């Protein structure tokens, strides 16, 4: 039976995303992610199998928590063409 996680996954994904955002995927090392997220290397590999899977987890988190909400709010405020223009502005 696996041990329960001892960290807040949402907070960890936020921190990892900010690290990727600031340094880029290639410029971010596993050590950077360990330092910035505050989780151990073993926990990172246990939860995400490595940097690529963590990056994909960050993209999914961003999509679920920011992009979808922004688009829904924009669609509620504007109709058709104005909504599209608002997104690109």
PDB file of N, CA and C in Angstrom:
ATOM      1  N   UNK A   1       0.848  -1.186   0.000  1.00  0.00           N
ATOM      2  CA  UNK A   1       0.000   0.000   0.000  1.00  0.00           C
ATOM      3  C   UNK A   1       0.890   1.245   0.000  1.00  0.00           C
ATOM      4  N   UNK A   2       0.716   2.135  -0.999  1.00  0.00           N
ATOM      5  CA  UNK A   2       1.562   3.320  -1.069  1.00  0.00           C
ATOM      6  C   UNK A   2       1.257   4.293   0.066  1.00  0.00           C
ATOM      7  N   UNK A   3       2.304   5.003   0.445  1.00  0.00           N
ATOM      8  CA  UNK A   3       2.133   6.028   1.484  1.00  0.00           C
ATOM      9  C   UNK A   3       1.354   7.205   0.928  1.00  0.00           C
ATOM     10  N   UNK A   4       0.545   7.852   1.763  1.00  0.00           N
ATOM     11  CA  UNK A   4      -0.162   9.050   1.295  1.00  0.00           C
ATOM     12  C   UNK A   4       0.840  10.175   1.027  1.00  0.00           C
ATOM     13  N   UNK A   5       0.508  11.034   0.096  1.00  0.00           N
ATOM     14  CA  UNK A   5       1.396  12.154  -0.226  1.00  0.00           C
ATOM     15  C   UNK A   5       1.447  13.123   0.943  1.00  0.00           C
ATOM     16  N   UNK A   6       2.647  13.621   1.175  1.00  0.00           N
ATOM     17  CA  UNK A   6       2.856  14.543   2.291  1.00  0.00           C
ATOM     18  C   UNK A   6       2.987  15.987   1.806  1.00  0.00           C
ATOM     19  N   UNK A   7       2.472  16.254   0.632  1.00  0.00           N
ATOM     20  CA  UNK A   7       2.532  17.600   0.081  1.00  0.00           C
ATOM     21  C   UNK A   7       1.221  17.903  -0.635  1.00  0.00           C
ATOM     22  N   UNK A   8       0.975  19.164  -0.841  1.00  0.00           N
ATOM     23  CA  UNK A   8      -0.217  19.623  -1.552  1.00  0.00           C
ATOM     24  C   UNK A   8       0.110  19.600  -3.043  1.00  0.00           C
ATOM     25  N   UNK A   9      -0.503  18.672  -3.771  1.00  0.00           N
ATOM     26  CA  UNK A   9      -0.167  18.502  -5.188  1.00  0.00           C
ATOM     27  C   UNK A   9      -0.459  19.756  -6.003  1.00  0.00           C
ATOM     28  N   UNK A  10      -1.553  20.427  -5.715  1.00  0.00           N
ATOM     29  CA  UNK A  10      -1.900  21.638  -6.457  1.00  0.00           C
ATOM     30  C   UNK A  10      -0.840  22.724  -6.263  1.00  0.00           C
ATOM     31  N   UNK A  11      -0.411  22.917  -5.032  1.00  0.00           N
ATOM     32  CA  UNK A  11       0.633  23.907  -4.750  1.00  0.00           C
ATOM     33  C   UNK A  11       1.942  23.518  -5.431  1.00  0.00           C
ATOM     34  N   UNK A  12       2.269  22.223  -5.386  1.00  0.00           N
ATOM     35  CA  UNK A  12       3.493  21.746  -6.014  1.00  0.00           C
ATOM     36  C   UNK A  12       3.449  21.979  -7.524  1.00  0.00           C
ATOM     37  N   UNK A  13       2.297  21.717  -8.155  1.00  0.00           N
ATOM     38  CA  UNK A  13       2.166  21.940  -9.598  1.00  0.00           C
ATOM     39  C   UNK A  13       2.278  23.425  -9.939  1.00  0.00           C
ATOM     40  N   UNK A  14       1.722  24.280  -9.095  1.00  0.00           N
ATOM     41  CA  UNK A  14       1.845  25.733  -9.299  1.00  0.00           C
ATOM     42  C   UNK A  14       3.314  26.150  -9.274  1.00  0.00           C
ATOM     43  N   UNK A  15       4.045  25.671  -8.288  1.00  0.00           N
ATOM     44  CA  UNK A  15       5.460  26.027  -8.158  1.00  0.00           C
ATOM     45  C   UNK A  15       6.283  25.477  -9.315  1.00  0.00           C
ATOM     46  N   UNK A  16       6.001  24.246  -9.696  1.00  0.00           N
ATOM     47  CA  UNK A  16       6.713  23.652 -10.825  1.00  0.00           C
ATOM     48  C   UNK A  16       6.415  24.420 -12.106  1.00  0.00           C
ATOM     49  N   UNK A  17       5.152  24.790 -12.311  1.00  0.00           N
ATOM     50  CA  UNK A  17       4.776  25.542 -13.507  1.00  0.00           C
ATOM     51  C   UNK A  17       5.509  26.878 -13.571  1.00  0.00           C
ATOM     52  N   UNK A  18       5.608  27.552 -12.444  1.00  0.00           N
ATOM     53  CA  UNK A  18       6.337  28.830 -12.409  1.00  0.00           C
ATOM     54  C   UNK A  18       7.813  28.634 -12.736  1.00  0.00           C
ATOM     55  N   UNK A  19       8.364  27.525 -12.289  1.00  0.00           N
ATOM     56  CA  UNK A  19       9.766  27.225 -12.586  1.00  0.00           C
ATOM     57  C   UNK A  19       9.946  26.969 -14.078  1.00  0.00           C
ATOM     58  N   UNK A  20       9.077  26.138 -14.657  1.00  0.00           N
ATOM     59  CA  UNK A  20       9.147  25.902 -16.100  1.00  0.00           C
ATOM     60  C   UNK A  20       8.950  27.204 -16.875  1.00  0.00           C
ATOM     61  N   UNK A  21       8.006  28.013 -16.410  1.00  0.00           N
ATOM     62  CA  UNK A  21       7.704  29.272 -17.084  1.00  0.00           C
ATOM     63  C   UNK A  21       8.928  30.191 -17.086  1.00  0.00           C
ATOM     64  N   UNK A  22       9.602  30.285 -15.962  1.00  0.00           N
ATOM     65  CA  UNK A  22      10.747  31.185 -15.830  1.00  0.00           C
ATOM     66  C   UNK A  22      11.986  30.685 -16.559  1.00  0.00           C
ATOM     67  N   UNK A  23      12.203  29.381 -16.557  1.00  0.00           N
ATOM     68  CA  UNK A  23      13.461  28.831 -17.070  1.00  0.00           C
ATOM     69  C   UNK A  23      13.305  28.047 -18.367  1.00  0.00           C
ATOM     70  N   UNK A  24      12.069  27.760 -18.757  1.00  0.00           N
ATOM     71  CA  UNK A  24      11.841  26.922 -19.926  1.00  0.00           C
ATOM     72  C   UNK A  24      12.014  25.455 -19.573  1.00  0.00           C
ATOM     73  N   UNK A  25      11.482  24.601 -20.427  1.00  0.00           N
ATOM     74  CA  UNK A  25      11.558  23.160 -20.160  1.00  0.00           C
ATOM     75  C   UNK A  25      13.013  22.690 -20.141  1.00  0.00           C
ATOM     76  N   UNK A  26      13.753  23.017 -21.188  1.00  0.00           N
ATOM     77  CA  UNK A  26      15.148  22.549 -21.271  1.00  0.00           C
ATOM     78  C   UNK A  26      16.036  23.164 -20.197  1.00  0.00           C
ATOM     79  N   UNK A  27      15.716  24.378 -19.784  1.00  0.00           N
ATOM     80  CA  UNK A  27      16.531  25.058 -18.785  1.00  0.00           C
ATOM     81  C   UNK A  27      16.223  24.656 -17.348  1.00  0.00           C
ATOM     82  N   UNK A  28      15.210  23.830 -17.157  1.00  0.00           N
ATOM     83  CA  UNK A  28      14.805  23.408 -15.814  1.00  0.00           C
ATOM     84  C   UNK A  28      15.307  21.996 -15.554  1.00  0.00           C
ATOM     85  N   UNK A  29      16.059  21.851 -14.490  1.00  0.00           N
ATOM     86  CA  UNK A  29      16.575  20.524 -14.118  1.00  0.00           C
ATOM     87  C   UNK A  29      15.708  19.908 -13.022  1.00  0.00           C
ATOM     88  N   UNK A  30      15.902  18.636 -12.825  1.00  0.00           N
ATOM     89  CA  UNK A  30      15.206  17.959 -11.721  1.00  0.00           C
ATOM     90  C   UNK A  30      15.594  18.622 -10.404  1.00  0.00           C
ATOM     91  N   UNK A  31      16.856  18.990 -10.247  1.00  0.00           N
ATOM     92  CA  UNK A  31      17.280  19.667  -9.014  1.00  0.00           C
ATOM     93  C   UNK A  31      16.546  20.988  -8.826  1.00  0.00           C
ATOM     94  N   UNK A  32      16.337  21.738  -9.919  1.00  0.00           N
ATOM     95  CA  UNK A  32      15.564  22.984  -9.830  1.00  0.00           C
ATOM     96  C   UNK A  32      14.153  22.704  -9.321  1.00  0.00           C
ATOM     97  N   UNK A  33      13.542  21.655  -9.866  1.00  0.00           N
ATOM     98  CA  UNK A  33      12.172  21.313  -9.481  1.00  0.00           C
ATOM     99  C   UNK A  33      12.101  20.861  -8.031  1.00  0.00           C
ATOM    100  N   UNK A  34      13.068  20.099  -7.588  1.00  0.00           N
ATOM    101  CA  UNK A  34      13.120  19.664  -6.188  1.00  0.00           C
ATOM    102  C   UNK A  34      13.243  20.891  -5.275  1.00  0.00           C
ATOM    103  N   UNK A  35      14.128  21.804  -5.645  1.00  0.00           N
ATOM    104  CA  UNK A  35      14.341  23.013  -4.840  1.00  0.00           C
ATOM    105  C   UNK A  35      13.095  23.892  -4.811  1.00  0.00           C
ATOM    106  N   UNK A  36      12.507  24.133  -5.970  1.00  0.00           N
ATOM    107  CA  UNK A  36      11.387  25.067  -6.067  1.00  0.00           C
ATOM    108  C   UNK A  36      10.072  24.508  -5.538  1.00  0.00           C
ATOM    109  N   UNK A  37       9.870  23.205  -5.661  1.00  0.00           N
ATOM    110  CA  UNK A  37       8.608  22.633  -5.193  1.00  0.00           C
ATOM    111  C   UNK A  37       8.661  22.217  -3.735  1.00  0.00           C
ATOM    112  N   UNK A  38       9.861  21.953  -3.249  1.00  0.00           N
ATOM    113  CA  UNK A  38      10.005  21.524  -1.865  1.00  0.00           C
ATOM    114  C   UNK A  38       9.716  20.049  -1.643  1.00  0.00           C
ATOM    115  N   UNK A  39       9.544  19.284  -2.723  1.00  0.00           N
ATOM    116  CA  UNK A  39       9.340  17.841  -2.554  1.00  0.00           C
ATOM    117  C   UNK A  39      10.635  17.115  -2.899  1.00  0.00           C
ATOM    118  N   UNK A  40      10.781  15.943  -2.378  1.00  0.00           N
ATOM    119  CA  UNK A  40      12.008  15.175  -2.611  1.00  0.00           C
ATOM    120  C   UNK A  40      12.037  14.620  -4.030  1.00  0.00           C
ATOM    121  N   UNK A  41      13.225  14.306  -4.477  1.00  0.00           N
ATOM    122  CA  UNK A  41      13.412  13.689  -5.791  1.00  0.00           C
ATOM    123  C   UNK A  41      12.614  12.387  -5.881  1.00  0.00           C
ATOM    124  N   UNK A  42      12.654  11.593  -4.815  1.00  0.00           N
ATOM    125  CA  UNK A  42      11.933  10.317  -4.805  1.00  0.00           C
ATOM    126  C   UNK A  42      10.425  10.542  -4.941  1.00  0.00           C
ATOM    127  N   UNK A  43       9.886  11.538  -4.252  1.00  0.00           N
ATOM    128  CA  UNK A  43       8.453  11.838  -4.351  1.00  0.00           C
ATOM    129  C   UNK A  43       8.092  12.317  -5.743  1.00  0.00           C
ATOM    130  N   UNK A  44       8.958  13.135  -6.333  1.00  0.00           N
ATOM    131  CA  UNK A  44       8.709  13.625  -7.672  1.00  0.00           C
ATOM    132  C   UNK A  44       8.633  12.461  -8.657  1.00  0.00           C
ATOM    133  N   UNK A  45       9.604  11.567  -8.597  1.00  0.00           N
ATOM    134  CA  UNK A  45       9.612  10.421  -9.505  1.00  0.00           C
ATOM    135  C   UNK A  45       8.471   9.454  -9.202  1.00  0.00           C
ATOM    136  N   UNK A  46       8.115   9.326  -7.955  1.00  0.00           N
ATOM    137  CA  UNK A  46       7.023   8.438  -7.585  1.00  0.00           C
ATOM    138  C   UNK A  46       5.684   8.944  -8.129  1.00  0.00           C
ATOM    139  N   UNK A  47       5.490  10.252  -8.067  1.00  0.00           N
ATOM    140  CA  UNK A  47       4.215  10.835  -8.496  1.00  0.00           C
ATOM    141  C   UNK A  47       4.150  11.081  -9.999  1.00  0.00           C
ATOM    142  N   UNK A  48       5.283  11.407 -10.633  1.00  0.00           N
ATOM    143  CA  UNK A  48       5.246  11.852 -12.026  1.00  0.00           C
ATOM    144  C   UNK A  48       6.198  11.124 -12.968  1.00  0.00           C
ATOM    145  N   UNK A  49       6.990  10.214 -12.491  1.00  0.00           N
ATOM    146  CA  UNK A  49       7.926   9.462 -13.333  1.00  0.00           C
ATOM    147  C   UNK A  49       8.996  10.319 -13.995  1.00  0.00           C
ATOM    148  N   UNK A  50       9.129  11.574 -13.609  1.00  0.00           N
ATOM    149  CA  UNK A  50      10.188  12.414 -14.164  1.00  0.00           C
ATOM    150  C   UNK A  50       9.702  13.767 -14.631  1.00  0.00           C
ATOM    151  N   UNK A  51      10.635  14.499 -15.215  1.00  0.00           N
ATOM    152  CA  UNK A  51      10.395  15.884 -15.602  1.00  0.00           C
ATOM    153  C   UNK A  51       9.302  16.007 -16.672  1.00  0.00           C
ATOM    154  N   UNK A  52       9.328  15.165 -17.682  1.00  0.00           N
ATOM    155  CA  UNK A  52       8.349  15.266 -18.766  1.00  0.00           C
ATOM    156  C   UNK A  52       6.926  15.095 -18.237  1.00  0.00           C
ATOM    157  N   UNK A  53       6.706  14.078 -17.428  1.00  0.00           N
ATOM    158  CA  UNK A  53       5.365  13.848 -16.889  1.00  0.00           C
ATOM    159  C   UNK A  53       4.935  14.969 -15.944  1.00  0.00           C
ATOM    160  N   UNK A  54       5.871  15.519 -15.194  1.00  0.00           N
ATOM    161  CA  UNK A  54       5.545  16.656 -14.329  1.00  0.00           C
ATOM    162  C   UNK A  54       5.158  17.861 -15.182  1.00  0.00           C
ATOM    163  N   UNK A  55       5.896  18.105 -16.264  1.00  0.00           N
ATOM    164  CA  UNK A  55       5.570  19.204 -17.168  1.00  0.00           C
ATOM    165  C   UNK A  55       4.163  19.033 -17.742  1.00  0.00           C
ATOM    166  N   UNK A  56       3.842  17.814 -18.180  1.00  0.00           N
ATOM    167  CA  UNK A  56       2.501  17.543 -18.694  1.00  0.00           C
ATOM    168  C   UNK A  56       1.443  17.722 -17.614  1.00  0.00           C
ATOM    169  N   UNK A  57       1.774  17.347 -16.370  1.00  0.00           N
ATOM    170  CA  UNK A  57       0.866  17.583 -15.250  1.00  0.00           C
ATOM    171  C   UNK A  57       0.632  19.062 -15.019  1.00  0.00           C
ATOM    172  N   UNK A  58       1.687  19.870 -15.184  1.00  0.00           N
ATOM    173  CA  UNK A  58       1.552  21.323 -15.050  1.00  0.00           C
ATOM    174  C   UNK A  58       0.651  21.892 -16.138  1.00  0.00           C
ATOM    175  N   UNK A  59       0.799  21.402 -17.359  1.00  0.00           N
ATOM    176  CA  UNK A  59      -0.056  21.861 -18.458  1.00  0.00           C
ATOM    177  C   UNK A  59      -1.513  21.507 -18.197  1.00  0.00           C
ATOM    178  N   UNK A  60      -1.753  20.300 -17.730  1.00  0.00           N
ATOM    179  CA  UNK A  60      -3.119  19.873 -17.418  1.00  0.00           C
ATOM    180  C   UNK A  60      -3.707  20.728 -16.297  1.00  0.00           C
ATOM    181  N   UNK A  61      -2.910  20.975 -15.266  1.00  0.00           N
ATOM    182  CA  UNK A  61      -3.346  21.811 -14.143  1.00  0.00           C
ATOM    183  C   UNK A  61      -3.690  23.220 -14.633  1.00  0.00           C
ATOM    184  N   UNK A  62      -2.833  23.789 -15.462  1.00  0.00           N
ATOM    185  CA  UNK A  62      -3.069  25.128 -16.004  1.00  0.00           C
ATOM    186  C   UNK A  62      -4.370  25.150 -16.807  1.00  0.00           C
ATOM    187  N   UNK A  63      -4.541  24.141 -17.644  1.00  0.00           N
ATOM    188  CA  UNK A  63      -5.747  24.057 -18.467  1.00  0.00           C
ATOM    189  C   UNK A  63      -6.998  24.003 -17.597  1.00  0.00           C
ATOM    190  N   UNK A  64      -6.977  23.158 -16.592  1.00  0.00           N
ATOM    191  CA  UNK A  64      -8.154  22.967 -15.744  1.00  0.00           C
ATOM    192  C   UNK A  64      -8.447  24.164 -14.854  1.00  0.00           C
ATOM    193  N   UNK A  65      -7.416  24.850 -14.389  1.00  0.00           N
ATOM    194  CA  UNK A  65      -7.635  25.910 -13.399  1.00  0.00           C
ATOM    195  C   UNK A  65      -7.608  27.328 -13.960  1.00  0.00           C
ATOM    196  N   UNK A  66      -7.009  27.528 -15.110  1.00  0.00           N
ATOM    197  CA  UNK A  66      -6.879  28.891 -15.624  1.00  0.00           C
ATOM    198  C   UNK A  66      -7.493  29.065 -17.009  1.00  0.00           C
ATOM    199  N   UNK A  67      -7.027  28.302 -17.971  1.00  0.00           N
ATOM    200  CA  UNK A  67      -7.485  28.499 -19.339  1.00  0.00           C
ATOM    201  C   UNK A  67      -8.987  28.297 -19.472  1.00  0.00           C
ATOM    202  N   UNK A  68      -9.505  27.202 -18.985  1.00  0.00           N
ATOM    203  CA  UNK A  68     -10.940  26.928 -19.112  1.00  0.00           C
ATOM    204  C   UNK A  68     -11.776  27.984 -18.405  1.00  0.00           C
ATOM    205  N   UNK A  69     -11.350  28.387 -17.224  1.00  0.00           N
ATOM    206  CA  UNK A  69     -12.107  29.395 -16.469  1.00  0.00           C
ATOM    207  C   UNK A  69     -12.096  30.737 -17.203  1.00  0.00           C
ATOM    208  N   UNK A  70     -10.933  31.116 -17.720  1.00  0.00           N
ATOM    209  CA  UNK A  70     -10.821  32.377 -18.449  1.00  0.00           C
ATOM    210  C   UNK A  70     -11.738  32.380 -19.677  1.00  0.00           C
ATOM    211  N   UNK A  71     -11.714  31.275 -20.433  1.00  0.00           N
ATOM    212  CA  UNK A  71     -12.555  31.204 -21.624  1.00  0.00           C
ATOM    213  C   UNK A  71     -14.042  31.218 -21.265  1.00  0.00           C
ATOM    214  N   UNK A  72     -14.409  30.531 -20.197  1.00  0.00           N
ATOM    215  CA  UNK A  72     -15.811  30.534 -19.769  1.00  0.00           C
ATOM    216  C   UNK A  72     -16.250  31.922 -19.334  1.00  0.00           C
ATOM    217  N   UNK A  73     -15.405  32.617 -18.582  1.00  0.00           N
ATOM    218  CA  UNK A  73     -15.744  33.971 -18.145  1.00  0.00           C
ATOM    219  C   UNK A  73     -15.845  34.924 -19.332  1.00  0.00           C
ATOM    220  N   UNK A  74     -14.942  34.761 -20.295  1.00  0.00           N
ATOM    221  CA  UNK A  74     -14.976  35.614 -21.482  1.00  0.00           C
ATOM    222  C   UNK A  74     -16.232  35.351 -22.293  1.00  0.00           C
ATOM    223  N   UNK A  75     -16.592  34.087 -22.460  1.00  0.00           N
ATOM    224  CA  UNK A  75     -17.804  33.734 -23.208  1.00  0.00           C
ATOM    225  C   UNK A  75     -19.050  34.271 -22.514  1.00  0.00           C
ATOM    226  N   UNK A  76     -19.039  34.337 -21.193  1.00  0.00           N
ATOM    227  CA  UNK A  76     -20.193  34.857 -20.451  1.00  0.00           C
ATOM    228  C   UNK A  76     -20.306  36.377 -20.582  1.00  0.00           C
ATOM    229  N   UNK A  77     -19.186  37.054 -20.748  1.00  0.00           N
ATOM    230  CA  UNK A  77     -19.189  38.513 -20.826  1.00  0.00           C
ATOM    231  C   UNK A  77     -19.445  39.045 -22.234  1.00  0.00           C
ATOM    232  N   UNK A  78     -19.003  38.301 -23.237  1.00  0.00           N
ATOM    233  CA  UNK A  78     -19.083  38.780 -24.614  1.00  0.00           C
ATOM    234  C   UNK A  78     -19.777  37.748 -25.493  1.00  0.00           C
ATOM    235  N   UNK A  79     -20.266  38.210 -26.624  1.00  0.00           N
ATOM    236  CA  UNK A  79     -20.843  37.256 -27.569  1.00  0.00           C
ATOM    237  C   UNK A  79     -19.894  37.073 -28.763  1.00  0.00           C
ATOM    238  N   UNK A  80     -19.949  35.915 -29.387  1.00  0.00           N
ATOM    239  CA  UNK A  80     -19.240  35.567 -30.613  1.00  0.00           C
ATOM    240  C   UNK A  80     -17.937  36.281 -30.897  1.00  0.00           C
ATOM    241  N   UNK A  81     -17.973  37.176 -31.873  1.00  0.00           N
ATOM    242  CA  UNK A  81     -16.777  37.869 -32.361  1.00  0.00           C
ATOM    243  C   UNK A  81     -16.076  38.648 -31.254  1.00  0.00           C
ATOM    244  N   UNK A  82     -16.838  39.321 -30.415  1.00  0.00           N
ATOM    245  CA  UNK A  82     -16.242  40.108 -29.325  1.00  0.00           C
ATOM    246  C   UNK A  82     -15.493  39.211 -28.344  1.00  0.00           C
ATOM    247  N   UNK A  83     -16.005  38.026 -28.096  1.00  0.00           N
ATOM    248  CA  UNK A  83     -15.315  37.085 -27.200  1.00  0.00           C
ATOM    249  C   UNK A  83     -13.999  36.647 -27.802  1.00  0.00           C
ATOM    250  N   UNK A  84     -14.007  36.340 -29.092  1.00  0.00           N
ATOM    251  CA  UNK A  84     -12.774  35.927 -29.761  1.00  0.00           C
ATOM    252  C   UNK A  84     -11.750  37.043 -29.728  1.00  0.00           C
ATOM    253  N   UNK A  85     -12.171  38.258 -30.025  1.00  0.00           N
ATOM    254  CA  UNK A  85     -11.262  39.404 -29.987  1.00  0.00           C
ATOM    255  C   UNK A  85     -10.725  39.636 -28.575  1.00  0.00           C
ATOM    256  N   UNK A  86     -11.576  39.501 -27.577  1.00  0.00           N
ATOM    257  CA  UNK A  86     -11.149  39.690 -26.188  1.00  0.00           C
ATOM    258  C   UNK A  86     -10.066  38.690 -25.792  1.00  0.00           C
ATOM    259  N   UNK A  87     -10.198  37.450 -26.244  1.00  0.00           N
ATOM    260  CA  UNK A  87      -9.201  36.424 -25.917  1.00  0.00           C
ATOM    261  C   UNK A  87      -7.840  36.806 -26.502  1.00  0.00           C
ATOM    262  N   UNK A  88      -7.841  37.311 -27.727  1.00  0.00           N
ATOM    263  CA  UNK A  88      -6.576  37.639 -28.376  1.00  0.00           C
ATOM    264  C   UNK A  88      -6.006  38.977 -27.951  1.00  0.00           C
ATOM    265  N   UNK A  89      -6.818  39.816 -27.360  1.00  0.00           N
ATOM    266  CA  UNK A  89      -6.307  41.090 -26.844  1.00  0.00           C
ATOM    267  C   UNK A  89      -5.671  40.853 -25.515  1.00  0.00           C
TER     268      UNK A  89
END
